[in-house]
PDB file of N, CA and C in Angstrom:
ATOM      1  N   MET A   1     -18.529  11.990  20.000  1.00  0.00           N
ATOM      2  CA  MET A   1     -17.881  10.865  19.862  1.00  0.00           C
ATOM      3  C   MET A   1     -18.326  10.153  18.722  1.00  0.00           C
ATOM      4  N   LYS A   2     -19.754   9.864  18.769  1.00  0.00           N
ATOM      5  CA  LYS A   2     -20.287   8.798  17.731  1.00  0.00           C
ATOM      6  C   LYS A   2     -20.039   9.413  16.185  1.00  0.00           C
ATOM      7  N   ASN A   3     -20.392  10.664  16.218  1.00  0.00           N
ATOM      8  CA  ASN A   3     -20.134  11.455  14.774  1.00  0.00           C
ATOM      9  C   ASN A   3     -18.939  11.245  14.116  1.00  0.00           C
ATOM     10  N   LEU A   4     -17.823  11.318  15.186  1.00  0.00           N
ATOM     11  CA  LEU A   4     -16.384  11.237  14.594  1.00  0.00           C
ATOM     12  C   LEU A   4     -16.102   9.970  14.241  1.00  0.00           C
ATOM     13  N   ILE A   5     -16.641   8.864  14.882  1.00  0.00           N
ATOM     14  CA  ILE A   5     -16.424   7.475  14.563  1.00  0.00           C
ATOM     15  C   ILE A   5     -17.003   7.078  13.186  1.00  0.00           C
ATOM     16  N   VAL A   6     -18.400   7.724  12.918  1.00  0.00           N
ATOM     17  CA  VAL A   6     -19.047   7.588  11.768  1.00  0.00           C
ATOM     18  C   VAL A   6     -18.469   8.338  10.567  1.00  0.00           C
ATOM     19  N   LEU A   7     -17.768   9.501  10.877  1.00  0.00           N
ATOM     20  CA  LEU A   7     -17.062  10.234   9.885  1.00  0.00           C
ATOM     21  C   LEU A   7     -15.824   9.534   9.544  1.00  0.00           C
ATOM     22  N   ALA A   8     -15.165   8.845  10.462  1.00  0.00           N
ATOM     23  CA  ALA A   8     -13.848   8.075  10.132  1.00  0.00           C
ATOM     24  C   ALA A   8     -14.266   6.754   9.410  1.00  0.00           C
ATOM     25  N   LEU A   9     -15.175   6.313   9.552  1.00  0.00           N
ATOM     26  CA  LEU A   9     -15.666   5.003   8.871  1.00  0.00           C
ATOM     27  C   LEU A   9     -16.138   5.430   7.264  1.00  0.00           C
ATOM     28  N   CYS A  10     -16.659   6.616   7.261  1.00  0.00           N
ATOM     29  CA  CYS A  10     -16.957   6.990   6.021  1.00  0.00           C
ATOM     30  C   CYS A  10     -15.777   7.227   4.936  1.00  0.00           C
ATOM     31  N   LEU A  11     -14.903   7.895   5.673  1.00  0.00           N
ATOM     32  CA  LEU A  11     -13.357   8.353   4.989  1.00  0.00           C
ATOM     33  C   LEU A  11     -12.830   7.056   4.640  1.00  0.00           C
ATOM     34  N   VAL A  12     -12.767   5.977   5.478  1.00  0.00           N
ATOM     35  CA  VAL A  12     -11.964   4.745   5.287  1.00  0.00           C
ATOM     36  C   VAL A  12     -12.907   3.929   4.019  1.00  0.00           C
ATOM     37  N   SER A  13     -13.993   4.144   4.315  1.00  0.00           N
ATOM     38  CA  SER A  13     -14.747   3.365   2.895  1.00  0.00           C
ATOM     39  C   SER A  13     -14.408   4.152   1.733  1.00  0.00           C
ATOM     40  N   ALA A  14     -14.376   5.543   1.774  1.00  0.00           N
ATOM     41  CA  ALA A  14     -14.339   6.268   0.519  1.00  0.00           C
ATOM     42  C   ALA A  14     -13.041   5.983  -0.135  1.00  0.00           C
ATOM     43  N   VAL A  15     -11.987   5.870   0.574  1.00  0.00           N
ATOM     44  CA  VAL A  15     -10.438   5.697   0.209  1.00  0.00           C
ATOM     45  C   VAL A  15     -10.356   4.371  -0.330  1.00  0.00           C
ATOM     46  N   TYR A  16     -10.968   3.359   0.386  1.00  0.00           N
ATOM     47  CA  TYR A  16     -10.907   1.952  -0.191  1.00  0.00           C
ATOM     48  C   TYR A  16     -12.087   1.345  -1.076  1.00  0.00           C
ATOM     49  N   SER A  17     -12.860   2.003  -1.090  1.00  0.00           N
ATOM     50  CA  SER A  17     -14.124   1.618  -2.013  1.00  0.00           C
ATOM     51  C   SER A  17     -13.715   1.717  -3.404  1.00  0.00           C
ATOM     52  N   ASN A  18     -14.375   0.661  -4.446  1.00  0.00           N
ATOM     53  CA  ASN A  18     -14.195   0.458  -5.605  1.00  0.00           C
ATOM     54  C   ASN A  18     -15.348   0.790  -6.565  1.00  0.00           C
ATOM     55  N   PRO A  19     -16.006   2.084  -6.792  1.00  0.00           N
ATOM     56  CA  PRO A  19     -17.052   2.269  -7.412  1.00  0.00           C
ATOM     57  C   PRO A  19     -17.214   2.006  -9.088  1.00  0.00           C
ATOM     58  N   TYR A  20     -15.881   1.299  -9.690  1.00  0.00           N
ATOM     59  CA  TYR A  20     -15.685   0.934 -10.866  1.00  0.00           C
ATOM     60  C   TYR A  20     -15.730  -0.371 -11.446  1.00  0.00           C
ATOM     61  N   THR A  21     -16.113  -1.315 -10.419  1.00  0.00           N
ATOM     62  CA  THR A  21     -15.859  -2.665 -10.689  1.00  0.00           C
ATOM     63  C   THR A  21     -16.152  -3.299 -11.882  1.00  0.00           C
ATOM     64  N   ASP A  22     -17.336  -2.810 -12.505  1.00  0.00           N
ATOM     65  CA  ASP A  22     -17.929  -3.635 -13.538  1.00  0.00           C
ATOM     66  C   ASP A  22     -18.616  -2.767 -14.550  1.00  0.00           C
ATOM     67  N   ILE A  23     -18.186  -1.564 -14.446  1.00  0.00           N
ATOM     68  CA  ILE A  23     -19.080  -0.631 -15.382  1.00  0.00           C
ATOM     69  C   ILE A  23     -18.187   0.082 -16.468  1.00  0.00           C
ATOM     70  N   GLY A  24     -18.705  -0.074 -17.856  1.00  0.00           N
ATOM     71  CA  GLY A  24     -18.061   0.511 -19.037  1.00  0.00           C
ATOM     72  C   GLY A  24     -16.795   0.399 -19.060  1.00  0.00           C
ATOM     73  N   HIS A  25     -15.972   1.440 -18.810  1.00  0.00           N
ATOM     74  CA  HIS A  25     -14.607   1.938 -19.149  1.00  0.00           C
ATOM     75  C   HIS A  25     -13.805   1.181 -18.299  1.00  0.00           C
ATOM     76  N   TYR A  26     -14.327   0.714 -16.999  1.00  0.00           N
ATOM     77  CA  TYR A  26     -13.623  -0.013 -15.893  1.00  0.00           C
ATOM     78  C   TYR A  26     -14.005  -1.423 -15.734  1.00  0.00           C
ATOM     79  N   ARG A  27     -14.671  -2.122 -16.818  1.00  0.00           N
ATOM     80  CA  ARG A  27     -15.094  -3.634 -16.724  1.00  0.00           C
ATOM     81  C   ARG A  27     -13.866  -4.387 -16.201  1.00  0.00           C
ATOM     82  N   GLY A  28     -14.413  -5.208 -15.106  1.00  0.00           N
ATOM     83  CA  GLY A  28     -13.280  -6.113 -14.660  1.00  0.00           C
ATOM     84  C   GLY A  28     -12.360  -5.713 -13.658  1.00  0.00           C
ATOM     85  N   TYR A  29     -12.395  -4.282 -13.281  1.00  0.00           N
ATOM     86  CA  TYR A  29     -11.434  -3.865 -12.498  1.00  0.00           C
ATOM     87  C   TYR A  29     -11.631  -4.094 -10.966  1.00  0.00           C
ATOM     88  N   VAL A  30     -10.703  -4.407 -10.323  1.00  0.00           N
ATOM     89  CA  VAL A  30     -10.648  -4.957  -9.170  1.00  0.00           C
ATOM     90  C   VAL A  30     -10.131  -3.838  -8.124  1.00  0.00           C
ATOM     91  N   GLY A  31      -9.215  -3.260  -8.210  1.00  0.00           N
ATOM     92  CA  GLY A  31      -8.691  -2.265  -7.388  1.00  0.00           C
ATOM     93  C   GLY A  31      -7.280  -1.945  -7.428  1.00  0.00           C
ATOM     94  N   CYS A  32      -6.861  -1.115  -6.542  1.00  0.00           N
ATOM     95  CA  CYS A  32      -5.368  -0.581  -6.582  1.00  0.00           C
ATOM     96  C   CYS A  32      -4.786  -1.379  -5.555  1.00  0.00           C
ATOM     97  N   PHE A  33      -3.615  -2.048  -5.842  1.00  0.00           N
ATOM     98  CA  PHE A  33      -2.879  -2.931  -4.616  1.00  0.00           C
ATOM     99  C   PHE A  33      -1.579  -2.704  -4.441  1.00  0.00           C
ATOM    100  N   VAL A  34      -0.801  -2.707  -3.398  1.00  0.00           N
ATOM    101  CA  VAL A  34       0.469  -2.462  -3.128  1.00  0.00           C
ATOM    102  C   VAL A  34       1.358  -3.475  -3.743  1.00  0.00           C
ATOM    103  N   ASP A  35       2.264  -3.335  -4.414  1.00  0.00           N
ATOM    104  CA  ASP A  35       3.504  -4.397  -4.751  1.00  0.00           C
ATOM    105  C   ASP A  35       5.024  -3.987  -4.264  1.00  0.00           C
ATOM    106  N   ASP A  36       5.679  -4.916  -4.689  1.00  0.00           N
ATOM    107  CA  ASP A  36       7.232  -4.949  -4.403  1.00  0.00           C
ATOM    108  C   ASP A  36       8.101  -5.743  -5.371  1.00  0.00           C
ATOM    109  N   SER A  37       9.243  -5.638  -5.085  1.00  0.00           N
ATOM    110  CA  SER A  37      10.285  -6.070  -5.982  1.00  0.00           C
ATOM    111  C   SER A  37       9.975  -7.769  -6.081  1.00  0.00           C
ATOM    112  N   ASN A  38       9.139  -8.311  -5.174  1.00  0.00           N
ATOM    113  CA  ASN A  38       9.106  -9.736  -5.084  1.00  0.00           C
ATOM    114  C   ASN A  38       7.925 -10.078  -6.068  1.00  0.00           C
ATOM    115  N   ARG A  39       6.918  -9.089  -6.410  1.00  0.00           N
ATOM    116  CA  ARG A  39       5.849  -8.943  -7.286  1.00  0.00           C
ATOM    117  C   ARG A  39       4.590  -9.934  -6.901  1.00  0.00           C
ATOM    118  N   MET A  40       3.624  -9.271  -6.809  1.00  0.00           N
ATOM    119  CA  MET A  40       2.284  -9.773  -6.312  1.00  0.00           C
ATOM    120  C   MET A  40       1.623 -10.784  -7.652  1.00  0.00           C
ATOM    121  N   LEU A  41       2.083 -10.194  -8.842  1.00  0.00           N
ATOM    122  CA  LEU A  41       1.646 -10.812 -10.139  1.00  0.00           C
ATOM    123  C   LEU A  41       3.039 -11.401 -10.694  1.00  0.00           C
ATOM    124  N   LYS A  42       3.441 -12.545 -10.745  1.00  0.00           N
ATOM    125  CA  LYS A  42       4.840 -12.948 -11.075  1.00  0.00           C
ATOM    126  C   LYS A  42       4.944 -13.543 -12.482  1.00  0.00           C
ATOM    127  N   HIS A  43       3.931 -13.226 -13.164  1.00  0.00           N
ATOM    128  CA  HIS A  43       4.198 -14.155 -14.484  1.00  0.00           C
ATOM    129  C   HIS A  43       4.236 -12.996 -15.698  1.00  0.00           C
ATOM    130  N   ARG A  44       4.875 -13.277 -16.640  1.00  0.00           N
ATOM    131  CA  ARG A  44       4.830 -12.353 -17.998  1.00  0.00           C
ATOM    132  C   ARG A  44       4.912 -11.008 -17.669  1.00  0.00           C
ATOM    133  N   ILE A  45       5.994 -10.638 -16.761  1.00  0.00           N
ATOM    134  CA  ILE A  45       5.988  -9.183 -16.516  1.00  0.00           C
ATOM    135  C   ILE A  45       6.638  -8.674 -17.672  1.00  0.00           C
ATOM    136  N   GLN A  46       6.149  -7.702 -18.312  1.00  0.00           N
ATOM    137  CA  GLN A  46       6.927  -6.935 -19.383  1.00  0.00           C
ATOM    138  C   GLN A  46       6.351  -5.541 -19.533  1.00  0.00           C
ATOM    139  N   THR A  47       7.220  -4.559 -19.860  1.00  0.00           N
ATOM    140  CA  THR A  47       6.976  -3.118 -20.298  1.00  0.00           C
ATOM    141  C   THR A  47       6.205  -3.248 -21.719  1.00  0.00           C
ATOM    142  N   LEU A  48       5.105  -2.562 -22.053  1.00  0.00           N
ATOM    143  CA  LEU A  48       4.506  -2.444 -23.114  1.00  0.00           C
ATOM    144  C   LEU A  48       4.415  -1.284 -23.581  1.00  0.00           C
ATOM    145  N   HIS A  49       5.076  -0.907 -24.934  1.00  0.00           N
ATOM    146  CA  HIS A  49       5.008   0.546 -25.426  1.00  0.00           C
ATOM    147  C   HIS A  49       3.581   1.016 -25.689  1.00  0.00           C
ATOM    148  N   LEU A  50       3.385   2.227 -25.164  1.00  0.00           N
ATOM    149  CA  LEU A  50       2.003   2.797 -25.199  1.00  0.00           C
ATOM    150  C   LEU A  50       0.645   1.656 -24.779  1.00  0.00           C
ATOM    151  N   ASN A  51       1.231   1.481 -23.508  1.00  0.00           N
ATOM    152  CA  ASN A  51       0.402   0.434 -22.736  1.00  0.00           C
ATOM    153  C   ASN A  51      -1.155   0.861 -22.419  1.00  0.00           C
ATOM    154  N   THR A  52      -1.997  -0.083 -22.965  1.00  0.00           N
ATOM    155  CA  THR A  52      -3.489  -0.027 -22.774  1.00  0.00           C
ATOM    156  C   THR A  52      -3.917  -1.251 -21.951  1.00  0.00           C
ATOM    157  N   LEU A  53      -4.985  -1.175 -21.461  1.00  0.00           N
ATOM    158  CA  LEU A  53      -5.785  -2.396 -20.867  1.00  0.00           C
ATOM    159  C   LEU A  53      -5.901  -3.531 -21.865  1.00  0.00           C
ATOM    160  N   GLU A  54      -6.428  -3.146 -22.889  1.00  0.00           N
ATOM    161  CA  GLU A  54      -6.587  -4.377 -23.905  1.00  0.00           C
ATOM    162  C   GLU A  54      -5.164  -4.858 -24.363  1.00  0.00           C
ATOM    163  N   LYS A  55      -4.309  -4.096 -24.483  1.00  0.00           N
ATOM    164  CA  LYS A  55      -2.895  -4.693 -24.896  1.00  0.00           C
ATOM    165  C   LYS A  55      -2.271  -5.649 -23.791  1.00  0.00           C
ATOM    166  N   CYS A  56      -2.496  -5.194 -22.500  1.00  0.00           N
ATOM    167  CA  CYS A  56      -2.214  -6.111 -21.413  1.00  0.00           C
ATOM    168  C   CYS A  56      -2.989  -7.339 -21.242  1.00  0.00           C
ATOM    169  N   ARG A  57      -4.498  -7.104 -21.586  1.00  0.00           N
ATOM    170  CA  ARG A  57      -5.241  -8.364 -21.596  1.00  0.00           C
ATOM    171  C   ARG A  57      -4.740  -9.446 -22.528  1.00  0.00           C
ATOM    172  N   LEU A  58      -4.574  -8.901 -23.756  1.00  0.00           N
ATOM    173  CA  LEU A  58      -3.838  -9.717 -24.792  1.00  0.00           C
ATOM    174  C   LEU A  58      -2.503 -10.532 -24.269  1.00  0.00           C
ATOM    175  N   HIS A  59      -1.781  -9.782 -23.849  1.00  0.00           N
ATOM    176  CA  HIS A  59      -0.370 -10.039 -23.224  1.00  0.00           C
ATOM    177  C   HIS A  59      -0.652 -11.157 -22.050  1.00  0.00           C
ATOM    178  N   CYS A  60      -1.795 -11.138 -21.221  1.00  0.00           N
ATOM    179  CA  CYS A  60      -2.146 -12.157 -20.211  1.00  0.00           C
ATOM    180  C   CYS A  60      -3.162 -13.061 -20.433  1.00  0.00           C
ATOM    181  N   ARG A  61      -3.379 -13.115 -21.896  1.00  0.00           N
ATOM    182  CA  ARG A  61      -4.289 -14.379 -22.230  1.00  0.00           C
ATOM    183  C   ARG A  61      -3.691 -15.564 -21.427  1.00  0.00           C
ATOM    184  N   GLY A  62      -5.018 -16.302 -20.601  1.00  0.00           N
ATOM    185  CA  GLY A  62      -4.360 -17.758 -20.135  1.00  0.00           C
ATOM    186  C   GLY A  62      -4.284 -17.400 -18.611  1.00  0.00           C
ATOM    187  N   TYR A  63      -4.424 -16.323 -18.124  1.00  0.00           N
ATOM    188  CA  TYR A  63      -4.096 -16.017 -16.694  1.00  0.00           C
ATOM    189  C   TYR A  63      -5.487 -15.485 -16.209  1.00  0.00           C
ATOM    190  N   LYS A  64      -5.822 -15.243 -14.954  1.00  0.00           N
ATOM    191  CA  LYS A  64      -6.945 -14.995 -14.520  1.00  0.00           C
ATOM    192  C   LYS A  64      -7.003 -13.227 -14.217  1.00  0.00           C
ATOM    193  N   TYR A  65      -5.695 -12.739 -13.795  1.00  0.00           N
ATOM    194  CA  TYR A  65      -5.675 -11.488 -13.446  1.00  0.00           C
ATOM    195  C   TYR A  65      -4.493 -10.720 -14.221  1.00  0.00           C
ATOM    196  N   LEU A  66      -4.508  -9.435 -14.455  1.00  0.00           N
ATOM    197  CA  LEU A  66      -3.649  -8.585 -14.939  1.00  0.00           C
ATOM    198  C   LEU A  66      -3.280  -7.421 -13.851  1.00  0.00           C
ATOM    199  N   GLY A  67      -2.169  -6.917 -13.865  1.00  0.00           N
ATOM    200  CA  GLY A  67      -1.827  -5.553 -13.315  1.00  0.00           C
ATOM    201  C   GLY A  67      -1.229  -4.577 -14.187  1.00  0.00           C
ATOM    202  N   LEU A  68      -1.658  -3.285 -14.121  1.00  0.00           N
ATOM    203  CA  LEU A  68      -1.019  -2.106 -14.810  1.00  0.00           C
ATOM    204  C   LEU A  68      -0.280  -1.590 -13.583  1.00  0.00           C
ATOM    205  N   GLN A  69       0.924  -1.394 -13.927  1.00  0.00           N
ATOM    206  CA  GLN A  69       1.899  -0.637 -13.003  1.00  0.00           C
ATOM    207  C   GLN A  69       2.835   0.386 -13.603  1.00  0.00           C
ATOM    208  N   TYR A  70       2.563   1.589 -13.060  1.00  0.00           N
ATOM    209  CA  TYR A  70       3.396   2.856 -13.349  1.00  0.00           C
ATOM    210  C   TYR A  70       3.261   3.287 -14.826  1.00  0.00           C
ATOM    211  N   GLY A  71       2.221   3.126 -15.480  1.00  0.00           N
ATOM    212  CA  GLY A  71       2.123   3.582 -16.701  1.00  0.00           C
ATOM    213  C   GLY A  71       2.486   2.580 -17.828  1.00  0.00           C
ATOM    214  N   HIS A  72       3.425   1.752 -17.717  1.00  0.00           N
ATOM    215  CA  HIS A  72       3.731   0.831 -18.746  1.00  0.00           C
ATOM    216  C   HIS A  72       4.119  -0.276 -18.434  1.00  0.00           C
ATOM    217  N   TRP A  73       3.965  -0.999 -17.354  1.00  0.00           N
ATOM    218  CA  TRP A  73       4.179  -2.415 -16.803  1.00  0.00           C
ATOM    219  C   TRP A  73       2.979  -3.241 -16.988  1.00  0.00           C
ATOM    220  N   CYS A  74       3.120  -4.393 -17.415  1.00  0.00           N
ATOM    221  CA  CYS A  74       1.927  -5.394 -17.508  1.00  0.00           C
ATOM    222  C   CYS A  74       2.413  -6.640 -16.712  1.00  0.00           C
ATOM    223  N   LEU A  75       1.503  -7.176 -15.696  1.00  0.00           N
ATOM    224  CA  LEU A  75       2.077  -8.244 -15.030  1.00  0.00           C
ATOM    225  C   LEU A  75       0.916  -9.088 -14.885  1.00  0.00           C
ATOM    226  N   CYS A  76       0.936 -10.392 -14.979  1.00  0.00           N
ATOM    227  CA  CYS A  76      -0.122 -11.649 -14.977  1.00  0.00           C
ATOM    228  C   CYS A  76       0.020 -12.392 -13.987  1.00  0.00           C
ATOM    229  N   GLY A  77      -1.112 -13.101 -13.573  1.00  0.00           N
ATOM    230  CA  GLY A  77      -1.109 -14.088 -12.490  1.00  0.00           C
ATOM    231  C   GLY A  77      -2.467 -14.548 -12.317  1.00  0.00           C
ATOM    232  N   ASN A  78      -2.666 -15.548 -11.663  1.00  0.00           N
ATOM    233  CA  ASN A  78      -3.929 -16.322 -11.090  1.00  0.00           C
ATOM    234  C   ASN A  78      -4.656 -15.620  -9.727  1.00  0.00           C
ATOM    235  N   SER A  79      -3.569 -15.175  -8.974  1.00  0.00           N
ATOM    236  CA  SER A  79      -4.222 -14.677  -7.809  1.00  0.00           C
ATOM    237  C   SER A  79      -3.892 -13.347  -7.445  1.00  0.00           C
ATOM    238  N   TYR A  80      -4.377 -12.327  -6.725  1.00  0.00           N
ATOM    239  CA  TYR A  80      -3.919 -11.077  -6.627  1.00  0.00           C
ATOM    240  C   TYR A  80      -3.842 -10.609  -5.239  1.00  0.00           C
ATOM    241  N   TYR A  81      -4.454 -11.503  -4.419  1.00  0.00           N
ATOM    242  CA  TYR A  81      -4.502 -10.732  -2.909  1.00  0.00           C
ATOM    243  C   TYR A  81      -3.548 -11.790  -2.106  1.00  0.00           C
ATOM    244  N   SER A  82      -2.545 -11.182  -1.178  1.00  0.00           N
ATOM    245  CA  SER A  82      -2.339 -11.868  -0.008  1.00  0.00           C
ATOM    246  C   SER A  82      -1.830 -10.748   0.969  1.00  0.00           C
ATOM    247  N   HIS A  83      -1.610 -11.014   2.137  1.00  0.00           N
ATOM    248  CA  HIS A  83      -1.433 -10.094   3.199  1.00  0.00           C
ATOM    249  C   HIS A  83      -0.090  -9.342   3.017  1.00  0.00           C
ATOM    250  N   ALA A  84       0.786  -9.827   2.313  1.00  0.00           N
ATOM    251  CA  ALA A  84       1.897  -8.897   1.608  1.00  0.00           C
ATOM    252  C   ALA A  84       1.498  -7.888   0.740  1.00  0.00           C
ATOM    253  N   TYR A  85       0.456  -7.911   0.074  1.00  0.00           N
ATOM    254  CA  TYR A  85      -0.008  -6.981  -0.967  1.00  0.00           C
ATOM    255  C   TYR A  85      -1.327  -6.583  -0.620  1.00  0.00           C
ATOM    256  N   PRO A  86      -1.805  -5.578   0.406  1.00  0.00           N
ATOM    257  CA  PRO A  86      -2.895  -5.404   0.447  1.00  0.00           C
ATOM    258  C   PRO A  86      -3.399  -4.299  -0.535  1.00  0.00           C
ATOM    259  N   GLN A  87      -4.706  -4.040  -0.417  1.00  0.00           N
ATOM    260  CA  GLN A  87      -5.212  -3.027  -1.342  1.00  0.00           C
ATOM    261  C   GLN A  87      -4.950  -1.676  -0.627  1.00  0.00           C
ATOM    262  N   ALA A  88      -4.686  -0.937  -1.674  1.00  0.00           N
ATOM    263  CA  ALA A  88      -4.218   0.736  -1.453  1.00  0.00           C
ATOM    264  C   ALA A  88      -5.310   1.545  -1.828  1.00  0.00           C
ATOM    265  N   SER A  89      -5.028   2.838  -1.519  1.00  0.00           N
ATOM    266  CA  SER A  89      -6.106   3.828  -1.754  1.00  0.00           C
ATOM    267  C   SER A  89      -6.116   3.912  -3.263  1.00  0.00           C
ATOM    268  N   GLU A  90      -7.278   4.227  -3.933  1.00  0.00           N
ATOM    269  CA  GLU A  90      -7.290   4.507  -5.307  1.00  0.00           C
ATOM    270  C   GLU A  90      -6.491   5.676  -5.624  1.00  0.00           C
ATOM    271  N   LEU A  91      -6.282   6.575  -4.933  1.00  0.00           N
ATOM    272  CA  LEU A  91      -5.507   7.832  -5.301  1.00  0.00           C
ATOM    273  C   LEU A  91      -3.980   7.321  -5.495  1.00  0.00           C
ATOM    274  N   GLN A  92      -3.662   6.259  -5.151  1.00  0.00           N
ATOM    275  CA  GLN A  92      -2.123   5.847  -5.206  1.00  0.00           C
ATOM    276  C   GLN A  92      -1.775   5.116  -6.573  1.00  0.00           C
ATOM    277  N   CYS A  93      -3.165   4.682  -7.312  1.00  0.00           N
ATOM    278  CA  CYS A  93      -2.906   4.294  -8.581  1.00  0.00           C
ATOM    279  C   CYS A  93      -3.189   5.665  -9.515  1.00  0.00           C
ATOM    280  N   ASN A  94      -2.314   6.369  -9.844  1.00  0.00           N
ATOM    281  CA  ASN A  94      -2.312   7.681 -10.322  1.00  0.00           C
ATOM    282  C   ASN A  94      -1.495   7.996 -11.650  1.00  0.00           C
ATOM    283  N   ARG A  95      -1.002   6.865 -12.307  1.00  0.00           N
ATOM    284  CA  ARG A  95      -0.288   7.022 -13.441  1.00  0.00           C
ATOM    285  C   ARG A  95      -0.984   6.766 -14.651  1.00  0.00           C
ATOM    286  N   PRO A  96      -1.137   7.451 -15.606  1.00  0.00           N
ATOM    287  CA  PRO A  96      -2.069   7.375 -16.762  1.00  0.00           C
ATOM    288  C   PRO A  96      -1.252   6.217 -17.764  1.00  0.00           C
ATOM    289  N   CYS A  97      -2.047   5.475 -18.400  1.00  0.00           N
ATOM    290  CA  CYS A  97      -1.524   4.162 -19.357  1.00  0.00           C
ATOM    291  C   CYS A  97      -0.842   5.043 -20.496  1.00  0.00           C
ATOM    292  N   GLY A  98       0.330   4.850 -20.866  1.00  0.00           N
ATOM    293  CA  GLY A  98       0.807   5.366 -21.884  1.00  0.00           C
ATOM    294  C   GLY A  98       0.188   5.547 -23.277  1.00  0.00           C
ATOM    295  N   GLY A  99      -0.507   4.429 -23.359  1.00  0.00           N
ATOM    296  CA  GLY A  99      -1.450   4.586 -24.759  1.00  0.00           C
ATOM    297  C   GLY A  99      -3.057   4.749 -24.539  1.00  0.00           C
ATOM    298  N   GLU A 100      -3.218   5.076 -23.057  1.00  0.00           N
ATOM    299  CA  GLU A 100      -4.469   5.347 -22.998  1.00  0.00           C
ATOM    300  C   GLU A 100      -4.903   6.390 -21.773  1.00  0.00           C
ATOM    301  N   PRO A 101      -4.367   7.681 -22.000  1.00  0.00           N
ATOM    302  CA  PRO A 101      -4.111   8.406 -20.895  1.00  0.00           C
ATOM    303  C   PRO A 101      -5.444   8.604 -20.153  1.00  0.00           C
ATOM    304  N   ASN A 102      -6.398   8.402 -20.491  1.00  0.00           N
ATOM    305  CA  ASN A 102      -7.644   8.423 -19.495  1.00  0.00           C
ATOM    306  C   ASN A 102      -7.839   7.347 -18.639  1.00  0.00           C
ATOM    307  N   ARG A 103      -7.036   6.444 -18.636  1.00  0.00           N
ATOM    308  CA  ARG A 103      -7.174   5.208 -17.578  1.00  0.00           C
ATOM    309  C   ARG A 103      -5.935   5.449 -16.724  1.00  0.00           C
ATOM    310  N   MET A 104      -6.086   5.022 -15.649  1.00  0.00           N
ATOM    311  CA  MET A 104      -4.906   4.841 -14.719  1.00  0.00           C
ATOM    312  C   MET A 104      -4.184   3.603 -14.725  1.00  0.00           C
ATOM    313  N   CYS A 105      -2.938   3.511 -14.877  1.00  0.00           N
ATOM    314  CA  CYS A 105      -2.341   2.462 -15.096  1.00  0.00           C
ATOM    315  C   CYS A 105      -1.325   2.136 -13.814  1.00  0.00           C
ATOM    316  N   GLY A 106      -2.044   2.090 -12.664  1.00  0.00           N
ATOM    317  CA  GLY A 106      -1.291   1.897 -11.304  1.00  0.00           C
ATOM    318  C   GLY A 106      -0.419   3.380 -10.905  1.00  0.00           C
ATOM    319  N   GLY A 107       0.615   2.942 -10.291  1.00  0.00           N
ATOM    320  CA  GLY A 107       1.604   3.946  -9.758  1.00  0.00           C
ATOM    321  C   GLY A 107       2.885   3.104  -9.557  1.00  0.00           C
ATOM    322  N   PHE A 108       3.532   4.041  -8.630  1.00  0.00           N
ATOM    323  CA  PHE A 108       4.896   3.476  -8.134  1.00  0.00           C
ATOM    324  C   PHE A 108       4.723   2.500  -7.246  1.00  0.00           C
ATOM    325  N   ALA A 109       5.150   1.210  -7.520  1.00  0.00           N
ATOM    326  CA  ALA A 109       4.862   0.140  -6.644  1.00  0.00           C
ATOM    327  C   ALA A 109       3.361  -0.112  -6.367  1.00  0.00           C
ATOM    328  N   ARG A 110       2.459   0.264  -7.375  1.00  0.00           N
ATOM    329  CA  ARG A 110       1.056   0.167  -6.913  1.00  0.00           C
ATOM    330  C   ARG A 110       0.675  -0.675  -8.464  1.00  0.00           C
ATOM    331  N   ASN A 111      -0.220  -1.566  -8.289  1.00  0.00           N
ATOM    332  CA  ASN A 111      -0.776  -2.318  -9.343  1.00  0.00           C
ATOM    333  C   ASN A 111      -2.365  -1.839  -9.537  1.00  0.00           C
ATOM    334  N   ALA A 112      -2.871  -1.476 -10.732  1.00  0.00           N
ATOM    335  CA  ALA A 112      -4.267  -1.407 -10.794  1.00  0.00           C
ATOM    336  C   ALA A 112      -4.444  -3.076 -11.163  1.00  0.00           C
ATOM    337  N   ILE A 113      -5.281  -3.406 -10.635  1.00  0.00           N
ATOM    338  CA  ILE A 113      -5.665  -5.020 -10.964  1.00  0.00           C
ATOM    339  C   ILE A 113      -6.814  -5.170 -11.546  1.00  0.00           C
ATOM    340  N   TYR A 114      -6.991  -6.061 -12.752  1.00  0.00           N
ATOM    341  CA  TYR A 114      -7.963  -6.161 -13.636  1.00  0.00           C
ATOM    342  C   TYR A 114      -8.360  -7.647 -13.798  1.00  0.00           C
ATOM    343  N   LYS A 115      -9.377  -8.315 -13.946  1.00  0.00           N
ATOM    344  CA  LYS A 115      -9.645  -9.421 -14.294  1.00  0.00           C
ATOM    345  C   LYS A 115      -9.480  -9.602 -15.863  1.00  0.00           C
ATOM    346  N   VAL A 116      -8.591 -10.478 -16.233  1.00  0.00           N
ATOM    347  CA  VAL A 116      -8.413 -10.709 -17.783  1.00  0.00           C
ATOM    348  C   VAL A 116      -9.607 -11.045 -18.430  1.00  0.00           C
TER     349      VAL A 116
END
């Protein structure tokens, strides 16, 4: 029973852990978060042609956080977490960025959140 509990904790940790927070290609990465039509990040919501992290960072100048969603959306805001928008599995942020296919730009109703 003890081994089963340890295994369950390891699996939960692996699903929600974020090994990319401040290293290289993922500098400033916070994590993958749930979103809905009310929007977690409510400012300057825009589709960016061939979206990249840097294009979205420029778009969100003056805000603390940006969200990449569904490959081409860029959203901006000063706070990213509330109980309505919990952290999701990294596997749910599975849509490549239009202009940066090696980076995941969120997913359907999922934001890949970065510090601006």
